[in-house]
Amino acid sequence: MSKPIPLQYGKYYHIFNRGNNGDNIFLEERNYHHFLKLYTKYIVPTADTFAYCLLRNHFHLLVRTKTAPEQEKFWQAQKVTDSLAKTQPAWQLIHPSQAFGICFNAYAKAINAGYNHTGSLFEHPFGRIQVNSPEYMAQLVIYIHQNAQKHGFVEDFRTWPFSSYPAFRSAKFTHLFKDKVLSWFGDLDTFDLAHRHEIMEHQIATFAPGDFNK
């Protein structure tokens, strides 16, 4: 297997991975929540997230990696609002490839320890496809959201709780860049309308991996 090209700063990516040999990586509901907790800790400071879907044996993410100034700006904003800021370490630039690797490794260690699992949890390395065509952004968002229905986990992807789709209809705080996503569609109504049409893999073949089995 050829070595993957490292993620670059300030670029859009479709990031994905699945369990080693197609095994499940989320064994019960609390695992999804723990993954998202780690994601907030390691990825939110280093990448903007536009869509995600977590399924039993794989996941999809659509992100834009932050530039060095954007990472520092995020850190400064957090420091201002953090009552323990004086005890926080000085800002250090984190390479996006390193951030995703740390996040996925932390999750794998938690699963291995909690379920007496041995060996690699994920296929390595994690998949990444740079998305350099704005016209495909909206299609990728729909593709990612529709994954739960596509793989038969639910009859209607809108009911799957472990994707970013519900956040667009919620007033709750989220780290998702909802306004940016909606700008690709026009508005929320157009966003909903566009999701009624299934995105086929051949439509975004350049930016999506071969289909994962259930």
Protein backbone atom coordinates (compact mmCIF):
# COMPACT_ATOMS: atom_id res chain seq x y z
CA MET A 1 0.00 0.00 0.00
CA SER A 2 1.39 3.39 -0.99
CA LYS A 3 1.92 5.97 1.72
CA PRO A 4 -0.97 8.46 1.80
CA ILE A 5 -0.32 12.10 0.95
CA PRO A 6 -0.33 14.13 4.19
CA LEU A 7 -3.23 16.49 4.71
CA GLN A 8 -2.50 20.09 3.80
CA TYR A 9 -3.48 23.22 5.70
CA GLY A 10 -6.55 25.12 4.50
CA LYS A 11 -7.91 22.35 2.23
CA TYR A 12 -11.24 20.52 2.01
CA TYR A 13 -11.25 16.74 2.48
CA HIS A 14 -13.61 13.81 2.51
CA ILE A 15 -12.17 11.67 5.31
CA PHE A 16 -13.35 8.12 5.93
CA ASN A 17 -12.38 4.82 7.48
CA ARG A 18 -13.88 1.53 8.57
CA GLY A 19 -13.19 -1.29 10.97
CA ASN A 20 -10.35 -3.65 10.22
CA ASN A 21 -11.71 -6.52 8.08
CA GLY A 22 -15.04 -4.70 8.07
CA ASP A 23 -15.55 -5.28 11.80
CA ASN A 24 -17.69 -2.93 13.86
CA ILE A 25 -15.99 0.08 15.42
CA PHE A 26 -19.07 1.27 17.32
CA LEU A 27 -20.35 -1.52 19.55
CA GLU A 28 -22.97 0.35 21.53
CA GLU A 29 -24.49 3.82 21.71
CA ARG A 30 -22.02 5.25 24.19
CA ASN A 31 -19.18 4.55 21.75
CA TYR A 32 -20.57 7.07 19.26
CA HIS A 33 -20.72 9.71 21.98
CA HIS A 34 -17.15 8.99 23.07
CA PHE A 35 -15.91 9.26 19.49
CA LEU A 36 -17.59 12.67 19.12
CA LYS A 37 -16.11 13.79 22.46
CA LEU A 38 -12.61 12.92 21.24
CA TYR A 39 -13.39 14.54 17.89
CA THR A 40 -14.27 17.79 19.67
CA LYS A 41 -11.05 17.65 21.66
CA TYR A 42 -8.62 16.88 18.84
CA ILE A 43 -10.24 17.88 15.55
CA VAL A 44 -12.33 20.98 16.26
CA PRO A 45 -9.15 23.03 17.00
CA THR A 46 -7.55 21.90 13.74
CA ALA A 47 -10.39 21.52 11.21
CA ASP A 48 -13.82 22.90 10.38
CA THR A 49 -16.51 20.24 10.02
CA PHE A 50 -19.38 20.45 7.54
CA ALA A 51 -20.91 16.97 7.64
CA TYR A 52 -20.39 13.59 9.28
CA CYS A 53 -22.01 10.19 9.58
CA LEU A 54 -20.97 7.49 12.03
CA LEU A 55 -22.13 3.96 11.24
CA ARG A 56 -21.45 0.68 12.99
CA ASN A 57 -18.41 -0.27 10.96
CA HIS A 58 -17.35 2.96 9.24
CA PHE A 59 -17.61 6.74 9.17
CA HIS A 60 -17.51 9.70 6.77
CA LEU A 61 -16.42 13.28 7.44
CA LEU A 62 -16.35 16.41 5.29
CA VAL A 63 -13.87 18.93 6.69
CA ARG A 64 -11.62 21.84 5.90
CA THR A 65 -8.29 21.85 7.71
CA LYS A 66 -7.46 25.10 9.45
CA THR A 67 -4.45 27.16 8.43
CA ALA A 68 -1.79 27.96 11.02
CA PRO A 69 -3.23 31.45 11.71
CA GLU A 70 -6.73 29.92 12.03
CA GLN A 71 -5.49 27.37 14.54
CA GLU A 72 -3.84 30.09 16.59
CA LYS A 73 -6.97 32.28 16.41
CA PHE A 74 -9.08 29.36 17.68
CA TRP A 75 -6.64 28.76 20.53
CA GLN A 76 -6.65 32.45 21.48
CA ALA A 77 -10.46 32.51 21.53
CA GLN A 78 -10.55 29.42 23.74
CA LYS A 79 -7.96 30.92 26.07
CA VAL A 80 -10.05 34.05 26.55
CA THR A 81 -13.12 32.03 27.58
CA ASP A 82 -11.21 29.46 29.64
CA SER A 83 -11.16 30.27 33.35
CA LEU A 84 -8.10 28.03 33.66
CA ALA A 85 -6.29 29.72 30.78
CA LYS A 86 -3.26 30.51 32.88
CA THR A 87 -2.64 26.80 33.38
CA GLN A 88 -3.03 25.93 29.70
CA PRO A 89 0.09 25.16 27.63
CA ALA A 90 1.34 27.66 25.07
CA TRP A 91 -0.10 27.37 21.58
CA GLN A 92 1.55 24.89 19.27
CA LEU A 93 0.74 24.27 15.62
CA ILE A 94 -0.71 20.78 15.10
CA HIS A 95 -0.46 19.21 11.68
CA PRO A 96 -3.94 18.04 10.57
CA SER A 97 -2.73 14.54 9.73
CA GLN A 98 -1.34 14.26 13.27
CA ALA A 99 -4.58 15.54 14.80
CA PHE A 100 -6.74 12.97 13.01
CA GLY A 101 -4.24 10.22 13.81
CA ILE A 102 -4.24 11.10 17.51
CA CYS A 103 -8.04 11.23 17.59
CA PHE A 104 -8.53 7.85 15.90
CA ASN A 105 -5.78 6.22 17.96
CA ALA A 106 -7.30 7.53 21.20
CA TYR A 107 -10.65 6.06 20.23
CA ALA A 108 -9.09 2.72 19.25
CA LYS A 109 -7.26 2.52 22.59
CA ALA A 110 -10.51 3.17 24.46
CA ILE A 111 -12.32 0.39 22.58
CA ASN A 112 -9.42 -2.04 22.96
CA ALA A 113 -9.27 -1.38 26.71
CA GLY A 114 -13.01 -1.44 27.27
CA TYR A 115 -13.81 -4.58 25.28
CA ASN A 116 -10.58 -6.60 25.58
CA HIS A 117 -10.06 -6.07 21.87
CA THR A 118 -6.65 -6.85 20.38
CA GLY A 119 -5.14 -5.86 17.09
CA SER A 120 -5.94 -2.91 14.90
CA LEU A 121 -9.44 -1.46 15.22
CA PHE A 122 -9.32 0.56 11.99
CA GLU A 123 -8.04 -0.06 8.53
CA HIS A 124 -4.84 1.90 8.08
CA PRO A 125 -4.25 4.53 6.97
CA PHE A 126 -7.49 6.51 7.16
CA GLY A 127 -8.88 7.49 3.78
CA ARG A 128 -8.65 11.06 2.59
CA ILE A 129 -9.67 12.65 -0.69
CA GLN A 130 -9.07 16.33 -1.28
CA VAL A 131 -12.17 18.08 -2.57
CA ASN A 132 -11.15 20.93 -4.85
CA SER A 133 -14.40 21.35 -6.75
CA PRO A 134 -17.03 23.52 -5.00
CA GLU A 135 -19.81 22.06 -7.14
CA TYR A 136 -19.39 18.72 -5.38
CA MET A 137 -19.54 20.05 -1.82
CA ALA A 138 -23.33 19.95 -1.57
CA GLN A 139 -23.48 16.50 -3.19
CA LEU A 140 -20.95 15.15 -0.69
CA VAL A 141 -22.98 16.52 2.21
CA ILE A 142 -26.06 14.69 0.94
CA TYR A 143 -24.08 11.51 0.23
CA ILE A 144 -22.68 11.50 3.77
CA HIS A 145 -26.05 12.14 5.39
CA GLN A 146 -27.77 9.45 3.31
CA ASN A 147 -25.26 6.75 4.28
CA ALA A 148 -27.30 5.31 7.15
CA GLN A 149 -30.24 4.66 4.84
CA LYS A 150 -28.00 3.51 2.01
CA HIS A 151 -26.59 0.75 4.22
CA GLY A 152 -29.94 -0.27 5.66
CA PHE A 153 -29.44 0.88 9.23
CA VAL A 154 -32.64 2.93 9.05
CA GLU A 155 -35.45 3.35 6.54
CA ASP A 156 -35.06 7.12 6.60
CA PHE A 157 -31.62 8.67 7.07
CA ARG A 158 -33.24 11.65 8.78
CA THR A 159 -33.88 9.45 11.83
CA TRP A 160 -30.26 8.31 12.23
CA PRO A 161 -28.98 10.08 15.37
CA PHE A 162 -25.26 9.81 14.67
CA SER A 163 -24.97 12.10 11.68
CA SER A 164 -24.83 15.85 11.31
CA TYR A 165 -28.19 16.04 9.53
CA PRO A 166 -30.32 16.61 12.70
CA ALA A 167 -28.12 19.56 13.69
CA PHE A 168 -29.34 21.58 10.74
CA ARG A 169 -32.88 21.47 12.15
CA SER A 170 -31.81 22.13 15.73
CA ALA A 171 -31.17 25.39 17.58
CA LYS A 172 -28.69 23.68 19.91
CA PHE A 173 -25.05 24.73 19.83
CA THR A 174 -22.87 22.76 17.45
CA HIS A 175 -19.33 22.99 16.15
CA LEU A 176 -20.64 22.33 12.65
CA PHE A 177 -20.25 25.17 10.14
CA LYS A 178 -23.95 25.14 9.30
CA ASP A 179 -24.07 28.56 7.65
CA LYS A 180 -21.31 27.58 5.23
CA VAL A 181 -23.10 24.35 4.32
CA LEU A 182 -26.42 26.12 3.79
CA SER A 183 -24.66 28.62 1.51
CA TRP A 184 -23.86 25.73 -0.82
CA PHE A 185 -27.58 25.00 -1.10
CA GLY A 186 -29.03 28.48 -0.84
CA ASP A 187 -31.15 28.11 2.30
CA LEU A 188 -32.55 25.51 4.68
CA ASP A 189 -35.58 24.75 2.52
CA THR A 190 -33.38 24.05 -0.50
CA PHE A 191 -31.10 21.98 1.74
CA ASP A 192 -34.07 19.81 2.75
CA LEU A 193 -35.36 19.56 -0.82
CA ALA A 194 -31.96 18.49 -2.15
CA HIS A 195 -31.77 15.71 0.45
CA ARG A 196 -34.90 14.12 -0.99
CA HIS A 197 -32.92 13.02 -4.03
CA GLU A 198 -30.51 10.13 -3.62
CA ILE A 199 -26.91 10.82 -4.52
CA MET A 200 -25.50 7.91 -6.49
CA GLU A 201 -21.83 7.01 -6.14
CA HIS A 202 -21.06 7.54 -9.81
CA GLN A 203 -22.08 11.19 -9.38
CA ILE A 204 -19.24 11.81 -6.93
CA ALA A 205 -16.93 8.91 -7.78
CA THR A 206 -13.84 11.14 -7.72
CA PHE A 207 -14.48 12.23 -4.15
CA ALA A 208 -15.99 9.12 -2.55
CA PRO A 209 -14.46 5.68 -1.85
CA GLY A 210 -15.79 2.38 -3.05
CA ASP A 211 -18.93 1.50 -1.13
CA PHE A 212 -18.54 -0.10 2.30
CA ASN A 213 -20.57 -3.19 3.08
CA LYS A 214 -22.82 -3.23 6.13
